Amino acid sequence: MKINSAIHTTVIDTMIGPLSVSGDHDWIYTIEFAGRSHPAECDEAASPAVRKAVAQLRNYFSGTLRSFELPILLSGTDFQMKVWQFMQTIEFGQVITYGAIARRLGNVRLARAVGQAANRNPIPIVVPCHRVVGANGALVGYDGGIWIKRLLLEHERRVSGT
């Protein structure tokens, strides 16, 4: 995969605060929680991949999109890649535990490593690490903060009617 050196970043406002979306012409590299900075609209200069991500994120937050179809470029260890790929199979509005993911990947003792991989997820929401919970269903370990994880899960439950 060829990586274009022209990186475009756009900050959009969402129900969970500003999100920074970065990518080149063809790929999305990161979605980051942008903190309290003043959000900027996606301008026409943004790359096609970034514009597509912004549109799909807006649709997700409006409740009209349940599954992302974006050209994402993930980079990590083999284990992280397996975890992130698995996370993309978790259905909208559903949750699974770190231990269950570890078990499905072949070793239940790797639950903590699954949590660490989730914490290093460069494309949250699209790679839905917010749908992974602790063994007792507790909301734990989310880079954007537990309150954002809670809001995302409540949003998905409300949209899906579960």
N, C-alpha and C. Protein backbone atom coordinates (compact mmCIF):
# COMPACT_ATOMS: atom_id res chain seq x y z
N MET A 1 0.82 -1.17 0.00
CA MET A 1 0.00 0.00 0.00
C MET A 1 0.87 1.24 0.00
N LYS A 2 0.62 2.09 -0.93
CA LYS A 2 1.38 3.32 -1.03
C LYS A 2 0.77 4.38 -0.12
N ILE A 3 1.60 5.01 0.66
CA ILE A 3 1.16 6.08 1.54
C ILE A 3 1.53 7.41 0.91
N ASN A 4 0.55 8.25 0.73
CA ASN A 4 0.73 9.58 0.16
C ASN A 4 1.30 10.49 1.24
N SER A 5 2.28 11.31 0.90
CA SER A 5 2.91 12.17 1.90
C SER A 5 2.04 13.37 2.27
N ALA A 6 1.03 13.70 1.49
CA ALA A 6 0.17 14.84 1.79
C ALA A 6 -0.92 14.41 2.77
N ILE A 7 -0.72 14.74 4.04
CA ILE A 7 -1.68 14.37 5.08
C ILE A 7 -2.65 15.52 5.28
N HIS A 8 -3.93 15.20 5.31
CA HIS A 8 -4.98 16.18 5.55
C HIS A 8 -5.61 15.87 6.91
N THR A 9 -5.88 16.91 7.69
CA THR A 9 -6.54 16.75 8.97
C THR A 9 -7.69 17.74 9.06
N THR A 10 -8.81 17.23 9.50
CA THR A 10 -9.99 18.06 9.69
C THR A 10 -10.54 17.78 11.08
N VAL A 11 -10.98 18.81 11.76
CA VAL A 11 -11.62 18.65 13.07
C VAL A 11 -13.11 18.91 12.89
N ILE A 12 -13.90 17.96 13.36
CA ILE A 12 -15.35 18.11 13.28
C ILE A 12 -15.95 18.08 14.68
N ASP A 13 -17.05 18.78 14.84
CA ASP A 13 -17.76 18.78 16.11
C ASP A 13 -18.75 17.63 16.12
N THR A 14 -18.82 16.93 17.25
CA THR A 14 -19.74 15.80 17.40
C THR A 14 -20.38 15.86 18.78
N MET A 15 -21.30 14.96 19.04
CA MET A 15 -21.97 14.89 20.34
C MET A 15 -21.00 14.54 21.47
N ILE A 16 -19.82 14.02 21.13
CA ILE A 16 -18.83 13.69 22.16
C ILE A 16 -17.68 14.69 22.17
N GLY A 17 -17.84 15.77 21.44
CA GLY A 17 -16.80 16.79 21.36
C GLY A 17 -16.09 16.70 20.02
N PRO A 18 -15.06 17.54 19.84
CA PRO A 18 -14.36 17.57 18.57
C PRO A 18 -13.58 16.28 18.30
N LEU A 19 -13.61 15.85 17.04
CA LEU A 19 -12.81 14.72 16.58
C LEU A 19 -11.91 15.21 15.45
N SER A 20 -10.66 14.79 15.50
CA SER A 20 -9.69 15.11 14.47
C SER A 20 -9.55 13.89 13.56
N VAL A 21 -9.79 14.07 12.27
CA VAL A 21 -9.71 12.99 11.29
C VAL A 21 -8.53 13.29 10.38
N SER A 22 -7.58 12.33 10.28
CA SER A 22 -6.39 12.52 9.45
C SER A 22 -6.24 11.40 8.44
N GLY A 23 -5.78 11.78 7.26
CA GLY A 23 -5.52 10.79 6.23
C GLY A 23 -4.95 11.47 4.99
N ASP A 24 -4.63 10.65 4.02
CA ASP A 24 -4.16 11.20 2.76
C ASP A 24 -5.28 11.06 1.73
N HIS A 25 -4.94 11.12 0.47
CA HIS A 25 -5.93 11.04 -0.60
C HIS A 25 -6.73 9.75 -0.53
N ASP A 26 -6.06 8.64 -0.17
CA ASP A 26 -6.67 7.32 -0.25
C ASP A 26 -7.04 6.67 1.08
N TRP A 27 -6.41 7.06 2.17
CA TRP A 27 -6.52 6.33 3.43
C TRP A 27 -6.83 7.24 4.62
N ILE A 28 -7.52 6.68 5.59
CA ILE A 28 -7.69 7.31 6.90
C ILE A 28 -6.67 6.67 7.82
N TYR A 29 -5.87 7.51 8.50
CA TYR A 29 -4.83 7.01 9.41
C TYR A 29 -5.25 7.09 10.86
N THR A 30 -5.92 8.18 11.24
CA THR A 30 -6.28 8.36 12.64
C THR A 30 -7.60 9.11 12.79
N ILE A 31 -8.26 8.80 13.86
CA ILE A 31 -9.34 9.62 14.39
C ILE A 31 -8.97 9.82 15.85
N GLU A 32 -8.87 11.08 16.25
CA GLU A 32 -8.44 11.37 17.61
C GLU A 32 -9.44 12.28 18.30
N PHE A 33 -9.54 12.13 19.60
CA PHE A 33 -10.34 13.02 20.41
C PHE A 33 -9.56 14.33 20.50
N ALA A 34 -10.13 15.39 19.95
CA ALA A 34 -9.39 16.64 19.75
C ALA A 34 -9.43 17.58 20.95
N GLY A 35 -9.96 17.15 22.06
CA GLY A 35 -9.98 18.01 23.23
C GLY A 35 -10.94 19.16 23.08
N ARG A 36 -10.61 20.26 23.66
CA ARG A 36 -11.50 21.42 23.70
C ARG A 36 -11.18 22.46 22.64
N SER A 37 -10.37 22.11 21.65
CA SER A 37 -10.04 23.08 20.61
C SER A 37 -11.28 23.44 19.81
N HIS A 38 -11.26 24.62 19.22
CA HIS A 38 -12.39 25.09 18.42
C HIS A 38 -12.49 24.24 17.16
N PRO A 39 -13.62 23.56 16.95
CA PRO A 39 -13.74 22.71 15.77
C PRO A 39 -13.82 23.51 14.47
N ALA A 40 -13.24 22.94 13.43
CA ALA A 40 -13.30 23.54 12.09
C ALA A 40 -14.14 22.62 11.22
N GLU A 41 -14.85 23.19 10.32
CA GLU A 41 -15.63 22.39 9.39
C GLU A 41 -14.71 21.70 8.39
N CYS A 42 -15.17 20.60 7.84
CA CYS A 42 -14.42 19.93 6.78
C CYS A 42 -14.46 20.82 5.56
N ASP A 43 -13.30 21.29 5.13
CA ASP A 43 -13.29 22.18 3.97
C ASP A 43 -13.04 21.39 2.69
N GLU A 44 -13.24 22.05 1.59
CA GLU A 44 -13.09 21.41 0.29
C GLU A 44 -11.66 20.95 0.01
N ALA A 45 -10.69 21.51 0.74
CA ALA A 45 -9.29 21.14 0.52
C ALA A 45 -8.95 19.78 1.14
N ALA A 46 -9.81 19.27 2.01
CA ALA A 46 -9.56 17.97 2.62
C ALA A 46 -9.56 16.88 1.56
N SER A 47 -8.82 15.83 1.83
CA SER A 47 -8.72 14.74 0.86
C SER A 47 -10.05 14.00 0.72
N PRO A 48 -10.24 13.27 -0.38
CA PRO A 48 -11.47 12.49 -0.55
C PRO A 48 -11.70 11.51 0.59
N ALA A 49 -10.64 10.86 1.06
CA ALA A 49 -10.79 9.89 2.15
C ALA A 49 -11.26 10.59 3.43
N VAL A 50 -10.69 11.75 3.73
CA VAL A 50 -11.08 12.49 4.94
C VAL A 50 -12.51 13.00 4.80
N ARG A 51 -12.88 13.51 3.64
CA ARG A 51 -14.25 13.97 3.43
C ARG A 51 -15.25 12.82 3.61
N LYS A 52 -14.89 11.65 3.09
CA LYS A 52 -15.77 10.48 3.24
C LYS A 52 -15.90 10.09 4.71
N ALA A 53 -14.80 10.11 5.44
CA ALA A 53 -14.84 9.78 6.87
C ALA A 53 -15.70 10.77 7.64
N VAL A 54 -15.54 12.05 7.33
CA VAL A 54 -16.34 13.09 8.00
C VAL A 54 -17.83 12.85 7.73
N ALA A 55 -18.17 12.58 6.49
CA ALA A 55 -19.58 12.34 6.14
C ALA A 55 -20.13 11.12 6.89
N GLN A 56 -19.35 10.03 6.94
CA GLN A 56 -19.82 8.84 7.61
C GLN A 56 -19.90 9.04 9.13
N LEU A 57 -18.96 9.77 9.71
CA LEU A 57 -19.03 10.06 11.14
C LEU A 57 -20.27 10.90 11.46
N ARG A 58 -20.54 11.89 10.64
CA ARG A 58 -21.75 12.70 10.85
C ARG A 58 -23.01 11.82 10.77
N ASN A 59 -23.04 10.91 9.81
CA ASN A 59 -24.19 10.01 9.69
C ASN A 59 -24.28 9.07 10.89
N TYR A 60 -23.14 8.58 11.37
CA TYR A 60 -23.13 7.73 12.57
C TYR A 60 -23.75 8.49 13.74
N PHE A 61 -23.28 9.71 13.97
CA PHE A 61 -23.77 10.48 15.11
C PHE A 61 -25.22 10.93 14.93
N SER A 62 -25.70 11.05 13.69
CA SER A 62 -27.10 11.41 13.48
C SER A 62 -28.01 10.19 13.60
N GLY A 63 -27.41 9.00 13.66
CA GLY A 63 -28.19 7.77 13.82
C GLY A 63 -28.58 7.10 12.52
N THR A 64 -28.04 7.56 11.40
CA THR A 64 -28.41 6.97 10.11
C THR A 64 -27.37 5.98 9.58
N LEU A 65 -26.25 5.83 10.26
CA LEU A 65 -25.21 4.90 9.81
C LEU A 65 -24.83 3.97 10.96
N ARG A 66 -24.82 2.69 10.69
CA ARG A 66 -24.47 1.69 11.71
C ARG A 66 -23.18 0.95 11.40
N SER A 67 -22.72 1.04 10.17
CA SER A 67 -21.52 0.32 9.76
C SER A 67 -20.69 1.21 8.83
N PHE A 68 -19.44 1.39 9.19
CA PHE A 68 -18.55 2.24 8.40
C PHE A 68 -17.97 1.47 7.22
N GLU A 69 -17.84 2.16 6.11
CA GLU A 69 -17.15 1.62 4.94
C GLU A 69 -16.13 2.65 4.52
N LEU A 70 -14.98 2.59 5.18
CA LEU A 70 -13.93 3.57 4.96
C LEU A 70 -12.61 2.89 4.63
N PRO A 71 -11.78 3.55 3.85
CA PRO A 71 -10.45 3.02 3.57
C PRO A 71 -9.50 3.38 4.73
N ILE A 72 -9.45 2.49 5.73
CA ILE A 72 -8.59 2.75 6.88
C ILE A 72 -7.27 2.01 6.73
N LEU A 73 -6.21 2.63 7.20
CA LEU A 73 -4.89 2.02 7.14
C LEU A 73 -4.39 1.88 8.57
N LEU A 74 -4.47 0.66 9.08
CA LEU A 74 -4.03 0.37 10.44
C LEU A 74 -2.59 -0.10 10.43
N SER A 75 -1.86 0.31 11.43
CA SER A 75 -0.47 -0.10 11.56
C SER A 75 -0.21 -0.47 13.01
N GLY A 76 0.19 -1.72 13.24
CA GLY A 76 0.46 -2.19 14.59
C GLY A 76 1.10 -3.56 14.55
N THR A 77 1.25 -4.15 15.73
CA THR A 77 1.80 -5.50 15.82
C THR A 77 0.80 -6.49 15.23
N ASP A 78 1.25 -7.70 14.99
CA ASP A 78 0.33 -8.73 14.48
C ASP A 78 -0.84 -8.93 15.43
N PHE A 79 -0.56 -8.94 16.74
CA PHE A 79 -1.63 -9.13 17.71
C PHE A 79 -2.60 -7.95 17.69
N GLN A 80 -2.09 -6.74 17.68
CA GLN A 80 -2.97 -5.57 17.62
C GLN A 80 -3.86 -5.63 16.39
N MET A 81 -3.26 -5.98 15.26
CA MET A 81 -4.04 -6.05 14.01
C MET A 81 -5.17 -7.07 14.15
N LYS A 82 -4.90 -8.22 14.77
CA LYS A 82 -5.95 -9.23 14.97
C LYS A 82 -7.06 -8.70 15.86
N VAL A 83 -6.68 -8.00 16.93
CA VAL A 83 -7.68 -7.43 17.85
C VAL A 83 -8.52 -6.39 17.12
N TRP A 84 -7.87 -5.48 16.40
CA TRP A 84 -8.60 -4.42 15.70
C TRP A 84 -9.50 -5.00 14.61
N GLN A 85 -9.03 -6.03 13.92
CA GLN A 85 -9.87 -6.67 12.91
C GLN A 85 -11.08 -7.32 13.56
N PHE A 86 -10.87 -7.97 14.71
CA PHE A 86 -11.99 -8.58 15.40
C PHE A 86 -12.99 -7.52 15.85
N MET A 87 -12.49 -6.42 16.39
CA MET A 87 -13.38 -5.36 16.88
C MET A 87 -14.31 -4.86 15.77
N GLN A 88 -13.84 -4.87 14.55
CA GLN A 88 -14.66 -4.41 13.44
C GLN A 88 -15.84 -5.34 13.15
N THR A 89 -15.85 -6.52 13.76
CA THR A 89 -16.96 -7.46 13.56
C THR A 89 -18.02 -7.32 14.65
N ILE A 90 -17.76 -6.52 15.68
CA ILE A 90 -18.73 -6.35 16.76
C ILE A 90 -19.90 -5.53 16.23
N GLU A 91 -21.08 -6.07 16.35
CA GLU A 91 -22.27 -5.43 15.81
C GLU A 91 -22.58 -4.11 16.51
N PHE A 92 -23.13 -3.18 15.77
CA PHE A 92 -23.62 -1.90 16.27
C PHE A 92 -24.55 -2.14 17.45
N GLY A 93 -24.31 -1.45 18.56
CA GLY A 93 -25.16 -1.55 19.73
C GLY A 93 -24.88 -2.74 20.62
N GLN A 94 -23.92 -3.57 20.25
CA GLN A 94 -23.57 -4.75 21.04
C GLN A 94 -22.26 -4.52 21.79
N VAL A 95 -22.02 -5.31 22.83
CA VAL A 95 -20.75 -5.25 23.55
C VAL A 95 -20.20 -6.66 23.72
N ILE A 96 -18.90 -6.72 23.95
CA ILE A 96 -18.21 -7.98 24.20
C ILE A 96 -17.10 -7.68 25.20
N THR A 97 -16.69 -8.65 25.97
CA THR A 97 -15.65 -8.43 26.97
C THR A 97 -14.26 -8.63 26.35
N TYR A 98 -13.28 -8.04 27.02
CA TYR A 98 -11.88 -8.24 26.61
C TYR A 98 -11.54 -9.72 26.65
N GLY A 99 -12.01 -10.41 27.70
CA GLY A 99 -11.74 -11.84 27.84
C GLY A 99 -12.35 -12.66 26.72
N ALA A 100 -13.56 -12.30 26.30
CA ALA A 100 -14.21 -13.03 25.20
C ALA A 100 -13.43 -12.87 23.90
N ILE A 101 -12.91 -11.66 23.67
CA ILE A 101 -12.09 -11.46 22.47
C ILE A 101 -10.83 -12.30 22.57
N ALA A 102 -10.18 -12.29 23.73
CA ALA A 102 -8.96 -13.10 23.92
C ALA A 102 -9.26 -14.57 23.66
N ARG A 103 -10.37 -15.04 24.18
CA ARG A 103 -10.75 -16.45 23.99
C ARG A 103 -10.96 -16.74 22.50
N ARG A 104 -11.62 -15.84 21.79
CA ARG A 104 -11.86 -16.05 20.35
C ARG A 104 -10.58 -15.97 19.53
N LEU A 105 -9.58 -15.25 20.09
CA LEU A 105 -8.29 -15.18 19.40
C LEU A 105 -7.36 -16.32 19.82
N GLY A 106 -7.85 -17.18 20.72
CA GLY A 106 -7.10 -18.39 21.03
C GLY A 106 -6.45 -18.48 22.39
N ASN A 107 -6.53 -17.46 23.23
CA ASN A 107 -5.89 -17.54 24.55
C ASN A 107 -6.58 -16.60 25.52
N VAL A 108 -7.43 -17.14 26.38
CA VAL A 108 -8.19 -16.33 27.33
C VAL A 108 -7.29 -15.52 28.26
N ARG A 109 -6.05 -15.95 28.44
CA ARG A 109 -5.12 -15.22 29.33
C ARG A 109 -4.62 -13.92 28.70
N LEU A 110 -4.99 -13.65 27.47
CA LEU A 110 -4.54 -12.43 26.81
C LEU A 110 -5.54 -11.27 26.92
N ALA A 111 -6.47 -11.37 27.86
CA ALA A 111 -7.49 -10.31 28.01
C ALA A 111 -6.84 -8.95 28.26
N ARG A 112 -5.82 -8.92 29.09
CA ARG A 112 -5.16 -7.64 29.36
C ARG A 112 -4.46 -7.11 28.10
N ALA A 113 -3.87 -8.00 27.32
CA ALA A 113 -3.23 -7.59 26.06
C ALA A 113 -4.27 -7.08 25.06
N VAL A 114 -5.47 -7.66 25.08
CA VAL A 114 -6.55 -7.15 24.23
C VAL A 114 -6.89 -5.72 24.66
N GLY A 115 -6.93 -5.48 25.97
CA GLY A 115 -7.19 -4.13 26.47
C GLY A 115 -6.12 -3.15 26.04
N GLN A 116 -4.87 -3.58 26.07
CA GLN A 116 -3.78 -2.71 25.64
C GLN A 116 -3.87 -2.41 24.14
N ALA A 117 -4.24 -3.40 23.36
CA ALA A 117 -4.41 -3.19 21.92
C ALA A 117 -5.57 -2.22 21.67
N ALA A 118 -6.65 -2.39 22.42
CA ALA A 118 -7.79 -1.47 22.27
C ALA A 118 -7.37 -0.04 22.60
N ASN A 119 -6.55 0.12 23.62
CA ASN A 119 -6.09 1.45 24.03
C ASN A 119 -5.20 2.10 22.97
N ARG A 120 -4.58 1.31 22.12
CA ARG A 120 -3.70 1.84 21.07
C ARG A 120 -4.40 1.94 19.71
N ASN A 121 -5.69 1.71 19.69
CA ASN A 121 -6.47 1.78 18.46
C ASN A 121 -6.39 3.19 17.88
N PRO A 122 -5.83 3.33 16.68
CA PRO A 122 -5.68 4.66 16.10
C PRO A 122 -6.94 5.23 15.44
N ILE A 123 -7.98 4.39 15.29
CA ILE A 123 -9.17 4.83 14.59
C ILE A 123 -10.43 4.46 15.40
N PRO A 124 -10.57 5.06 16.60
CA PRO A 124 -11.74 4.73 17.41
C PRO A 124 -13.04 5.11 16.69
N ILE A 125 -14.09 4.53 17.14
CA ILE A 125 -15.45 4.64 16.62
C ILE A 125 -15.58 3.79 15.36
N VAL A 126 -14.74 4.03 14.34
CA VAL A 126 -14.75 3.19 13.13
C VAL A 126 -14.29 1.78 13.49
N VAL A 127 -13.21 1.67 14.23
CA VAL A 127 -12.78 0.40 14.83
C VAL A 127 -13.33 0.50 16.26
N PRO A 128 -14.49 -0.10 16.51
CA PRO A 128 -15.29 0.23 17.68
C PRO A 128 -14.81 -0.37 19.01
N CYS A 129 -13.68 0.12 19.49
CA CYS A 129 -13.17 -0.35 20.77
C CYS A 129 -14.08 0.05 21.93
N HIS A 130 -14.96 1.02 21.70
CA HIS A 130 -15.91 1.41 22.75
C HIS A 130 -16.90 0.29 23.05
N ARG A 131 -17.02 -0.68 22.16
CA ARG A 131 -17.95 -1.80 22.36
C ARG A 131 -17.33 -2.94 23.17
N VAL A 132 -16.13 -2.73 23.68
CA VAL A 132 -15.45 -3.76 24.48
C VAL A 132 -15.48 -3.32 25.94
N VAL A 133 -15.95 -4.22 26.80
CA VAL A 133 -16.16 -3.90 28.21
C VAL A 133 -15.41 -4.89 29.11
N GLY A 134 -15.37 -4.55 30.40
CA GLY A 134 -14.73 -5.43 31.37
C GLY A 134 -15.54 -6.69 31.60
N ALA A 135 -14.94 -7.64 32.34
CA ALA A 135 -15.54 -8.95 32.55
C ALA A 135 -16.94 -8.87 33.16
N ASN A 136 -17.18 -7.91 34.02
CA ASN A 136 -18.48 -7.78 34.67
C ASN A 136 -19.38 -6.77 33.95
N GLY A 137 -19.01 -6.39 32.75
CA GLY A 137 -19.78 -5.43 31.98
C GLY A 137 -19.43 -3.98 32.28
N ALA A 138 -18.43 -3.77 33.14
CA ALA A 138 -18.04 -2.41 33.51
C ALA A 138 -17.39 -1.70 32.33
N LEU A 139 -17.65 -0.40 32.26
CA LEU A 139 -17.01 0.42 31.22
C LEU A 139 -15.63 0.81 31.73
N VAL A 140 -14.62 0.23 31.12
CA VAL A 140 -13.24 0.47 31.55
C VAL A 140 -12.37 0.80 30.35
N GLY A 141 -11.28 1.49 30.61
CA GLY A 141 -10.20 1.68 29.65
C GLY A 141 -10.54 2.26 28.30
N TYR A 142 -10.96 3.52 28.25
CA TYR A 142 -11.22 4.14 26.96
C TYR A 142 -10.39 5.41 26.84
N ASP A 143 -9.63 5.52 25.75
CA ASP A 143 -8.71 6.64 25.55
C ASP A 143 -9.41 8.00 25.63
N GLY A 144 -10.60 8.10 25.11
CA GLY A 144 -11.34 9.36 25.14
C GLY A 144 -11.99 9.65 26.47
N GLY A 145 -11.98 8.68 27.37
CA GLY A 145 -12.62 8.82 28.67
C GLY A 145 -13.84 7.92 28.75
N ILE A 146 -14.08 7.41 29.94
CA ILE A 146 -15.22 6.50 30.15
C ILE A 146 -16.54 7.19 29.80
N TRP A 147 -16.64 8.49 30.06
CA TRP A 147 -17.89 9.19 29.77
C TRP A 147 -18.19 9.17 28.27
N ILE A 148 -17.14 9.22 27.43
CA ILE A 148 -17.36 9.14 25.98
C ILE A 148 -17.78 7.73 25.59
N LYS A 149 -17.15 6.73 26.18
CA LYS A 149 -17.53 5.35 25.92
C LYS A 149 -19.01 5.15 26.27
N ARG A 150 -19.42 5.66 27.42
CA ARG A 150 -20.81 5.55 27.85
C ARG A 150 -21.75 6.23 26.85
N LEU A 151 -21.39 7.45 26.42
CA LEU A 151 -22.23 8.17 25.45
C LEU A 151 -22.35 7.42 24.13
N LEU A 152 -21.25 6.87 23.65
CA LEU A 152 -21.28 6.12 22.39
C LEU A 152 -22.18 4.89 22.50
N LEU A 153 -22.04 4.15 23.61
CA LEU A 153 -22.87 2.95 23.79
C LEU A 153 -24.35 3.32 23.97
N GLU A 154 -24.63 4.39 24.71
CA GLU A 154 -26.01 4.84 24.87
C GLU A 154 -26.59 5.28 23.53
N HIS A 155 -25.79 5.98 22.73
CA HIS A 155 -26.23 6.41 21.40
C HIS A 155 -26.59 5.18 20.55
N GLU A 156 -25.72 4.19 20.53
CA GLU A 156 -25.97 3.00 19.70
C GLU A 156 -27.19 2.23 20.20
N ARG A 157 -27.37 2.13 21.50
CA ARG A 157 -28.53 1.42 22.04
C ARG A 157 -29.82 2.17 21.68
N ARG A 158 -29.77 3.49 21.77
CA ARG A 158 -30.94 4.31 21.44
C ARG A 158 -31.30 4.15 19.95
N VAL A 159 -30.29 4.22 19.10
CA VAL A 159 -30.52 4.12 17.65
C VAL A 159 -31.03 2.71 17.28
N SER A 160 -30.45 1.68 17.91
CA SER A 160 -30.83 0.31 17.55
C SER A 160 -32.06 -0.18 18.30
N GLY A 161 -32.49 0.59 19.31
CA GLY A 161 -33.68 0.20 20.06
C GLY A 161 -33.45 -0.93 21.03
N THR A 162 -32.18 -1.15 21.43
CA THR A 162 -31.90 -2.22 22.39
C THR A 162 -31.70 -1.69 23.79
